[in-house]
Amino acid sequence: MASICEVCGKGTMSGNNVSHSNRHTKRAWKPNIQQVRAVVDGQTKRVNVCTRCLRSGKVNRAI
């Protein structure tokens, strides 16, 4: 599953792990993406949505 929110477009962020000796290695921060059933244009579809969008009510979940 791709780690991109289909509502807000939030995706993977990159940065560095920094050790105690100040060595840098690349790492990634992935958003908390959930696959939920939501009502889109009057039909129920499976969408990949971040939990921020779910919590804020930007997604109308199907029952």
C-alpha atoms as a PDB file:
ATOM      1  CA  MET A   1       0.000   0.000   0.000  1.00  0.00           C
ATOM      2  CA  ALA A   2       1.362   3.399  -0.957  1.00  0.00           C
ATOM      3  CA  SER A   3       1.920   5.661   2.033  1.00  0.00           C
ATOM      4  CA  ILE A   4       0.160   8.702   0.563  1.00  0.00           C
ATOM      5  CA  CYS A   5      -3.106  10.116   1.877  1.00  0.00           C
ATOM      6  CA  GLU A   6      -5.707  10.377  -0.893  1.00  0.00           C
ATOM      7  CA  VAL A   7      -7.384  13.342   0.836  1.00  0.00           C
ATOM      8  CA  CYS A   8      -4.586  15.703   1.870  1.00  0.00           C
ATOM      9  CA  GLY A   9      -1.652  14.244  -0.084  1.00  0.00           C
ATOM     10  CA  LYS A  10       0.509  13.683   2.985  1.00  0.00           C
ATOM     11  CA  GLY A  11       3.413  11.372   2.150  1.00  0.00           C
ATOM     12  CA  THR A  12       6.774  10.130   3.334  1.00  0.00           C
ATOM     13  CA  MET A  13       9.174  12.690   4.822  1.00  0.00           C
ATOM     14  CA  SER A  14      12.918  12.126   4.780  1.00  0.00           C
ATOM     15  CA  GLY A  15      15.647  13.137   7.153  1.00  0.00           C
ATOM     16  CA  ASN A  16      18.571  11.790   9.115  1.00  0.00           C
ATOM     17  CA  ASN A  17      19.168   9.536  12.056  1.00  0.00           C
ATOM     18  CA  VAL A  18      21.795  11.318  14.151  1.00  0.00           C
ATOM     19  CA  SER A  19      23.838   9.145  16.489  1.00  0.00           C
ATOM     20  CA  HIS A  20      25.492  10.187  19.716  1.00  0.00           C
ATOM     21  CA  SER A  21      28.756  10.590  17.781  1.00  0.00           C
ATOM     22  CA  ASN A  22      26.862  12.871  15.338  1.00  0.00           C
ATOM     23  CA  ARG A  23      26.995  10.459  12.391  1.00  0.00           C
ATOM     24  CA  HIS A  24      24.128  10.918   9.944  1.00  0.00           C
ATOM     25  CA  THR A  25      22.265   8.151   8.117  1.00  0.00           C
ATOM     26  CA  LYS A  26      19.136   8.577   6.020  1.00  0.00           C
ATOM     27  CA  ARG A  27      15.740   7.600   7.399  1.00  0.00           C
ATOM     28  CA  ALA A  28      12.070   8.084   6.559  1.00  0.00           C
ATOM     29  CA  TRP A  29       9.006   9.167   8.506  1.00  0.00           C
ATOM     30  CA  LYS A  30       5.860   7.580   7.123  1.00  0.00           C
ATOM     31  CA  PRO A  31       2.352   8.897   7.810  1.00  0.00           C
ATOM     32  CA  ASN A  32      -0.187   6.724   9.602  1.00  0.00           C
ATOM     33  CA  ILE A  33      -2.218   5.601   6.576  1.00  0.00           C
ATOM     34  CA  GLN A  34      -5.377   3.539   7.083  1.00  0.00           C
ATOM     35  CA  GLN A  35      -7.397   1.831   4.365  1.00  0.00           C
ATOM     36  CA  VAL A  36     -11.047   2.660   5.113  1.00  0.00           C
ATOM     37  CA  ARG A  37     -14.362   2.354   3.353  1.00  0.00           C
ATOM     38  CA  ALA A  38     -15.660   5.849   2.629  1.00  0.00           C
ATOM     39  CA  VAL A  39     -18.511   7.406   0.690  1.00  0.00           C
ATOM     40  CA  VAL A  40     -17.075   9.095  -2.422  1.00  0.00           C
ATOM     41  CA  ASP A  41     -19.510  10.658  -4.929  1.00  0.00           C
ATOM     42  CA  GLY A  42     -22.388   8.677  -3.441  1.00  0.00           C
ATOM     43  CA  GLN A  43     -20.607   5.332  -3.742  1.00  0.00           C
ATOM     44  CA  THR A  44     -18.664   3.286  -1.218  1.00  0.00           C
ATOM     45  CA  LYS A  45     -14.962   3.004  -2.072  1.00  0.00           C
ATOM     46  CA  ARG A  46     -11.812   1.885  -0.296  1.00  0.00           C
ATOM     47  CA  VAL A  47      -9.492   4.845   0.189  1.00  0.00           C
ATOM     48  CA  ASN A  48      -6.076   5.291   1.807  1.00  0.00           C
ATOM     49  CA  VAL A  49      -6.416   8.083   4.355  1.00  0.00           C
ATOM     50  CA  CYS A  50      -4.137   9.434   7.076  1.00  0.00           C
ATOM     51  CA  THR A  51      -5.458   9.382  10.617  1.00  0.00           C
ATOM     52  CA  ARG A  52      -5.357  13.196  10.804  1.00  0.00           C
ATOM     53  CA  CYS A  53      -7.972  13.382   8.022  1.00  0.00           C
ATOM     54  CA  LEU A  54     -10.071  10.668   9.683  1.00  0.00           C
ATOM     55  CA  ARG A  55      -9.995  12.432  13.033  1.00  0.00           C
ATOM     56  CA  SER A  56     -10.785  15.863  11.634  1.00  0.00           C
ATOM     57  CA  GLY A  57     -13.853  14.598   9.762  1.00  0.00           C
ATOM     58  CA  LYS A  58     -12.600  15.197   6.215  1.00  0.00           C
ATOM     59  CA  VAL A  59     -13.684  11.648   5.310  1.00  0.00           C
ATOM     60  CA  ASN A  60     -17.286  10.442   5.365  1.00  0.00           C
ATOM     61  CA  ARG A  61     -16.911   6.808   6.437  1.00  0.00           C
ATOM     62  CA  ALA A  62     -19.249   4.129   5.085  1.00  0.00           C
ATOM     63  CA  ILE A  63     -21.079   1.784   7.427  1.00  0.00           C
END
